[in-house]
């Protein structure tokens, strides 16, 4: 599933191409997504200008004027890509034909993605999105308030979208390595210096990942079709048995809530 860096990469890659354009037409080929497309979806978007693109956690919000937004979530396998003369592909479910710009195509093999139109207050998906770790006000104090009295493993807390928006399995593992904290540690028991290190690591890892265009683990690409390369910098994720880049100790894997977590038993305590 695309995480915060991948979604932010898509947002940044689309900005110079689509902001200021108009959705001339909408072509829906498959309505059965995670939540079926509204019957009036095409009408709600057709003829609307794209005034800006924001991100909330893993959600993209296209400002289509008059206080309304097009909300897009990529689900497990979705992509949102500009295409000019490229032939149609399997699983191209929604095509936005833009005026004086390439088509913007939503492709989603597993159909876990989501597209909705409405005012921010009407988009109930956003109500459960926690604070953004790339926001200016992010700090160790903010993180301390979020983990207080929460006894679940810190890895689980980082991935809880209601607590912190946008972090998934890849980046939670990388952040914890950078901070020197094992994924099984109780969130409530982390010491002040560990929370300070983790808050800093969260921002650093996410900023570096965005700069690298995200992690193209399988087929991720940005809005212009480019792959990311942050996967080349992964310190622990999916490196079980390989030597730690810092101390050469073999990386270990542990399963938490059904998800694999990777860590260095020497660098993380």
Protein backbone atom coordinates (compact mmCIF):
# COMPACT_ATOMS: atom_id res chain seq x y z
CA UNK A 1 0.00 0.00 0.00
CA UNK A 2 1.37 3.45 -0.85
CA UNK A 3 2.35 5.22 2.36
CA UNK A 4 2.79 8.91 3.15
CA UNK A 5 5.99 9.40 1.07
CA UNK A 6 4.47 7.74 -2.00
CA UNK A 7 1.23 9.74 -1.74
CA UNK A 8 3.17 12.98 -1.19
CA UNK A 9 5.38 12.13 -4.17
CA UNK A 10 2.30 11.70 -6.35
CA UNK A 11 0.90 14.99 -5.09
CA UNK A 12 4.09 16.90 -5.86
CA UNK A 13 4.49 15.28 -9.28
CA UNK A 14 0.92 16.18 -10.32
CA UNK A 15 0.89 19.78 -9.07
CA UNK A 16 2.63 21.48 -12.04
CA UNK A 17 0.59 19.52 -14.58
CA UNK A 18 -2.99 19.59 -13.33
CA UNK A 19 -3.47 22.66 -11.13
CA UNK A 20 -5.16 25.29 -13.25
CA UNK A 21 -6.67 22.76 -15.66
CA UNK A 22 -10.34 21.81 -16.01
CA UNK A 23 -11.84 18.31 -15.96
CA UNK A 24 -13.40 18.28 -19.44
CA UNK A 25 -14.88 14.82 -19.07
CA UNK A 26 -14.91 11.81 -16.74
CA UNK A 27 -14.93 8.25 -18.03
CA UNK A 28 -15.85 5.57 -15.49
CA UNK A 29 -15.15 1.98 -16.51
CA UNK A 30 -15.58 0.31 -13.14
CA UNK A 31 -17.70 1.64 -10.28
CA UNK A 32 -17.09 -1.25 -7.88
CA UNK A 33 -14.26 0.10 -5.81
CA UNK A 34 -13.89 -0.22 -2.01
CA UNK A 35 -16.91 2.03 -1.83
CA UNK A 36 -18.93 2.05 -5.08
CA UNK A 37 -18.66 5.30 -7.01
CA UNK A 38 -21.65 7.58 -6.51
CA UNK A 39 -24.22 7.57 -9.29
CA UNK A 40 -23.58 11.27 -9.89
CA UNK A 41 -19.76 11.04 -9.67
CA UNK A 42 -19.16 12.03 -13.29
CA UNK A 43 -21.56 14.96 -13.05
CA UNK A 44 -19.98 16.14 -9.80
CA UNK A 45 -16.50 16.37 -11.36
CA UNK A 46 -17.13 17.17 -15.02
CA UNK A 47 -16.41 20.79 -15.94
CA UNK A 48 -14.76 21.57 -12.59
CA UNK A 49 -11.37 23.33 -12.28
CA UNK A 50 -8.53 21.80 -10.29
CA UNK A 51 -7.43 24.62 -7.99
CA UNK A 52 -4.95 22.72 -5.82
CA UNK A 53 -3.96 19.36 -4.33
CA UNK A 54 -3.55 18.67 -0.62
CA UNK A 55 -2.70 15.52 1.32
CA UNK A 56 -4.18 14.21 4.57
CA UNK A 57 -2.32 11.10 5.72
CA UNK A 58 -2.64 8.70 2.79
CA UNK A 59 -5.49 10.66 1.17
CA UNK A 60 -5.19 13.09 -1.73
CA UNK A 61 -7.63 16.01 -1.88
CA UNK A 62 -8.15 17.78 -5.20
CA UNK A 63 -9.70 21.20 -4.70
CA UNK A 64 -12.39 21.42 -7.40
CA UNK A 65 -13.74 24.83 -6.37
CA UNK A 66 -16.94 25.92 -4.62
CA UNK A 67 -15.68 24.39 -1.37
CA UNK A 68 -15.71 20.85 -2.73
CA UNK A 69 -12.90 18.32 -3.06
CA UNK A 70 -12.25 15.11 -4.93
CA UNK A 71 -10.90 12.66 -2.36
CA UNK A 72 -8.64 9.87 -3.64
CA UNK A 73 -7.24 6.92 -1.69
CA UNK A 74 -5.07 4.46 -3.58
CA UNK A 75 -5.90 1.44 -1.45
CA UNK A 76 -3.51 -1.50 -1.74
CA UNK A 77 -2.53 -1.28 -5.39
CA UNK A 78 -3.89 1.93 -6.89
CA UNK A 79 -2.02 4.42 -9.05
CA UNK A 80 -2.91 7.89 -10.26
CA UNK A 81 -0.94 8.73 -13.37
CA UNK A 82 -0.89 11.23 -16.20
CA UNK A 83 -0.97 9.59 -19.62
CA UNK A 84 -0.86 11.21 -23.03
CA UNK A 85 -0.76 8.74 -25.91
CA UNK A 86 -0.03 5.64 -23.81
CA UNK A 87 -2.47 2.79 -24.60
CA UNK A 88 -5.14 1.92 -22.07
CA UNK A 89 -4.15 -0.70 -19.50
CA UNK A 90 -6.06 -3.39 -17.63
CA UNK A 91 -7.69 -2.04 -14.46
CA UNK A 92 -7.96 1.55 -15.72
CA UNK A 93 -11.15 2.24 -13.77
CA UNK A 94 -11.55 6.03 -13.94
CA UNK A 95 -10.16 8.40 -16.57
CA UNK A 96 -10.21 12.16 -16.04
CA UNK A 97 -9.89 13.92 -19.40
CA UNK A 98 -8.26 17.26 -18.65
CA UNK A 99 -8.42 20.36 -20.80
CA UNK A 100 -4.98 21.18 -22.28
CA UNK A 101 -3.31 18.38 -20.28
CA UNK A 102 -2.85 14.58 -20.47
CA UNK A 103 -5.48 12.24 -19.11
CA UNK A 104 -5.31 11.51 -15.37
CA UNK A 105 -5.93 7.78 -14.96
CA UNK A 106 -6.90 5.93 -11.79
CA UNK A 107 -5.76 2.30 -12.08
CA UNK A 108 -6.42 -0.22 -9.31
CA UNK A 109 -6.04 -4.01 -9.84
CA UNK A 110 -7.45 -4.94 -6.41
CA UNK A 111 -10.18 -2.27 -6.41
CA UNK A 112 -9.50 -1.29 -2.76
CA UNK A 113 -9.14 2.36 -3.74
CA UNK A 114 -11.64 5.11 -3.04
CA UNK A 115 -12.89 8.17 -4.92
CA UNK A 116 -15.46 10.57 -3.44
CA UNK A 117 -16.60 14.15 -3.96
CA UNK A 118 -17.78 16.46 -1.20
CA UNK A 119 -16.97 19.19 1.26
CA UNK A 120 -14.27 18.45 3.83
CA UNK A 121 -16.85 18.15 6.62
CA UNK A 122 -18.78 15.59 4.56
CA UNK A 123 -15.81 13.31 3.91
CA UNK A 124 -16.05 11.10 6.95
CA UNK A 125 -12.86 9.20 6.05
CA UNK A 126 -10.84 12.25 7.09
CA UNK A 127 -12.27 12.38 10.60
CA UNK A 128 -10.16 9.43 11.73
CA UNK A 129 -6.84 10.61 10.27
CA UNK A 130 -4.32 11.48 12.97
CA UNK A 131 -1.81 14.35 12.93
CA UNK A 132 0.73 14.51 10.12
CA UNK A 133 4.36 13.77 11.06
CA UNK A 134 5.53 16.15 8.30
CA UNK A 135 3.52 19.06 9.68
CA UNK A 136 5.44 22.08 10.95
CA UNK A 137 4.13 21.60 14.49
CA UNK A 138 5.41 18.00 14.72
CA UNK A 139 7.68 17.57 17.74
CA UNK A 140 8.79 15.18 20.44
CA UNK A 141 6.26 16.81 22.76
CA UNK A 142 3.47 16.10 20.25
CA UNK A 143 4.58 12.47 19.99
CA UNK A 144 4.81 12.19 23.79
CA UNK A 145 1.18 13.24 24.08
CA UNK A 146 0.12 10.62 21.52
CA UNK A 147 1.88 7.69 23.19
CA UNK A 148 0.99 8.57 26.79
CA UNK A 149 -0.61 5.60 28.61
CA UNK A 150 -0.75 3.54 25.39
CA UNK A 151 0.67 0.11 26.20
CA UNK A 152 0.55 -1.36 22.70
CA UNK A 153 3.83 -1.96 20.82
CA UNK A 154 5.30 1.24 19.42
CA UNK A 155 5.31 -0.24 15.90
CA UNK A 156 1.54 -0.77 16.08
CA UNK A 157 1.00 2.75 17.35
CA UNK A 158 3.02 4.29 14.51
CA UNK A 159 0.84 2.45 11.99
CA UNK A 160 -2.49 3.37 13.60
CA UNK A 161 -3.91 5.97 11.20
CA UNK A 162 -6.18 7.33 13.94
CA UNK A 163 -3.13 8.22 16.04
CA UNK A 164 -0.66 9.34 13.36
CA UNK A 165 -1.64 9.80 9.72
CA UNK A 166 0.21 8.24 6.81
CA UNK A 167 2.73 5.76 8.24
CA UNK A 168 2.70 2.12 7.14
CA UNK A 169 4.83 -0.97 7.54
CA UNK A 170 7.87 0.15 5.55
CA UNK A 171 8.47 3.48 7.22
CA UNK A 172 7.55 2.39 10.73
CA UNK A 173 10.35 -0.18 10.54
CA UNK A 174 12.81 2.34 9.14
CA UNK A 175 11.95 5.02 11.71
CA UNK A 176 12.37 2.65 14.63
CA UNK A 177 15.76 1.54 13.36
CA UNK A 178 16.87 5.15 12.96
CA UNK A 179 15.73 5.89 16.53
CA UNK A 180 17.29 2.73 18.00
CA UNK A 181 13.96 1.38 19.32
CA UNK A 182 12.72 -2.19 18.89
CA UNK A 183 9.23 -2.60 17.37
CA UNK A 184 7.87 -4.63 20.30
CA UNK A 185 8.61 -1.97 22.93
CA UNK A 186 5.58 -0.68 24.79
CA UNK A 187 4.79 2.83 23.55
CA UNK A 188 4.01 4.03 27.08
CA UNK A 189 7.39 2.85 28.38
CA UNK A 190 9.58 4.77 25.95
CA UNK A 191 11.87 7.21 27.74
CA UNK A 192 12.02 10.90 26.95
CA UNK A 193 15.28 10.69 24.99
CA UNK A 194 13.86 7.79 22.96
CA UNK A 195 10.76 9.77 22.07
CA UNK A 196 12.93 12.71 21.06
CA UNK A 197 15.02 10.44 18.85
CA UNK A 198 11.92 8.83 17.36
CA UNK A 199 10.16 12.12 16.60
CA UNK A 200 13.29 13.31 14.80
CA UNK A 201 13.70 10.00 12.96
CA UNK A 202 10.09 10.07 11.78
CA UNK A 203 10.49 13.41 10.05
CA UNK A 204 13.95 12.59 8.69
CA UNK A 205 12.95 9.24 7.18
CA UNK A 206 9.79 10.66 5.60
CA UNK A 207 11.57 13.69 4.15
CA UNK A 208 14.35 11.54 2.71
CA UNK A 209 11.81 9.11 1.24
CA UNK A 210 9.85 11.92 -0.42
CA UNK A 211 13.07 13.34 -1.84
CA UNK A 212 13.87 9.88 -3.26
CA UNK A 213 10.43 9.59 -4.84
CA UNK A 214 9.15 6.98 -2.40
CA UNK A 215 9.80 3.23 -2.32
CA UNK A 216 9.02 1.24 -5.45
CA UNK A 217 8.76 -2.16 -3.74
CA UNK A 218 6.56 -3.62 -6.49
CA UNK A 219 5.06 -1.35 -9.11
CA UNK A 220 4.74 2.05 -7.41
CA UNK A 221 5.30 5.09 -9.63
CA UNK A 222 4.50 8.76 -9.26
CA UNK A 223 1.96 10.79 -11.22
CA UNK A 224 4.26 11.04 -14.25
CA UNK A 225 5.20 7.36 -14.32
CA UNK A 226 8.56 7.58 -12.55
CA UNK A 227 9.62 4.96 -10.01
CA UNK A 228 11.06 5.84 -6.61
CA UNK A 229 14.38 4.62 -5.26
CA UNK A 230 14.20 4.95 -1.47
CA UNK A 231 14.03 1.13 -1.31
CA UNK A 232 17.76 1.20 -2.08
CA UNK A 233 18.27 2.99 1.25
CA UNK A 234 16.16 0.67 3.43
CA UNK A 235 18.14 -0.22 6.54
CA UNK A 236 15.93 -3.06 7.78
CA UNK A 237 12.69 -3.46 5.83
CA UNK A 238 12.55 -6.91 4.15
CA UNK A 239 16.24 -7.47 4.92
CA UNK A 240 15.81 -10.43 7.28
CA UNK A 241 19.10 -12.32 7.61
CA UNK A 242 21.11 -9.66 5.85
CA UNK A 243 23.87 -7.75 7.63
CA UNK A 244 22.90 -4.52 9.37
CA UNK A 245 24.40 -1.64 7.42
CA UNK A 246 25.58 -0.11 10.70
CA UNK A 247 26.94 -3.02 12.77
CA UNK A 248 26.80 -6.11 10.47
CA UNK A 249 24.49 -8.04 12.85
CA UNK A 250 21.88 -10.08 10.90
CA UNK A 251 18.53 -8.32 10.64
CA UNK A 252 15.66 -10.12 12.37
CA UNK A 253 11.94 -10.31 11.65
CA UNK A 254 9.10 -10.42 14.16
CA UNK A 255 5.35 -10.56 13.44
CA UNK A 256 3.15 -7.98 15.17
CA UNK A 257 -0.61 -8.00 14.53
CA UNK A 258 -0.06 -10.10 11.44
CA UNK A 259 2.55 -7.77 9.92
CA UNK A 260 6.25 -8.44 9.57
CA UNK A 261 8.53 -6.05 11.43
CA UNK A 262 12.26 -5.88 10.79
CA UNK A 263 14.92 -4.71 13.24
CA UNK A 264 18.56 -4.99 14.25
CA UNK A 265 18.92 -6.76 17.63
CA UNK A 266 22.10 -4.83 18.37
CA UNK A 267 21.29 -1.29 17.19
CA UNK A 268 17.73 -1.34 18.57
CA UNK A 269 16.96 -1.90 22.23
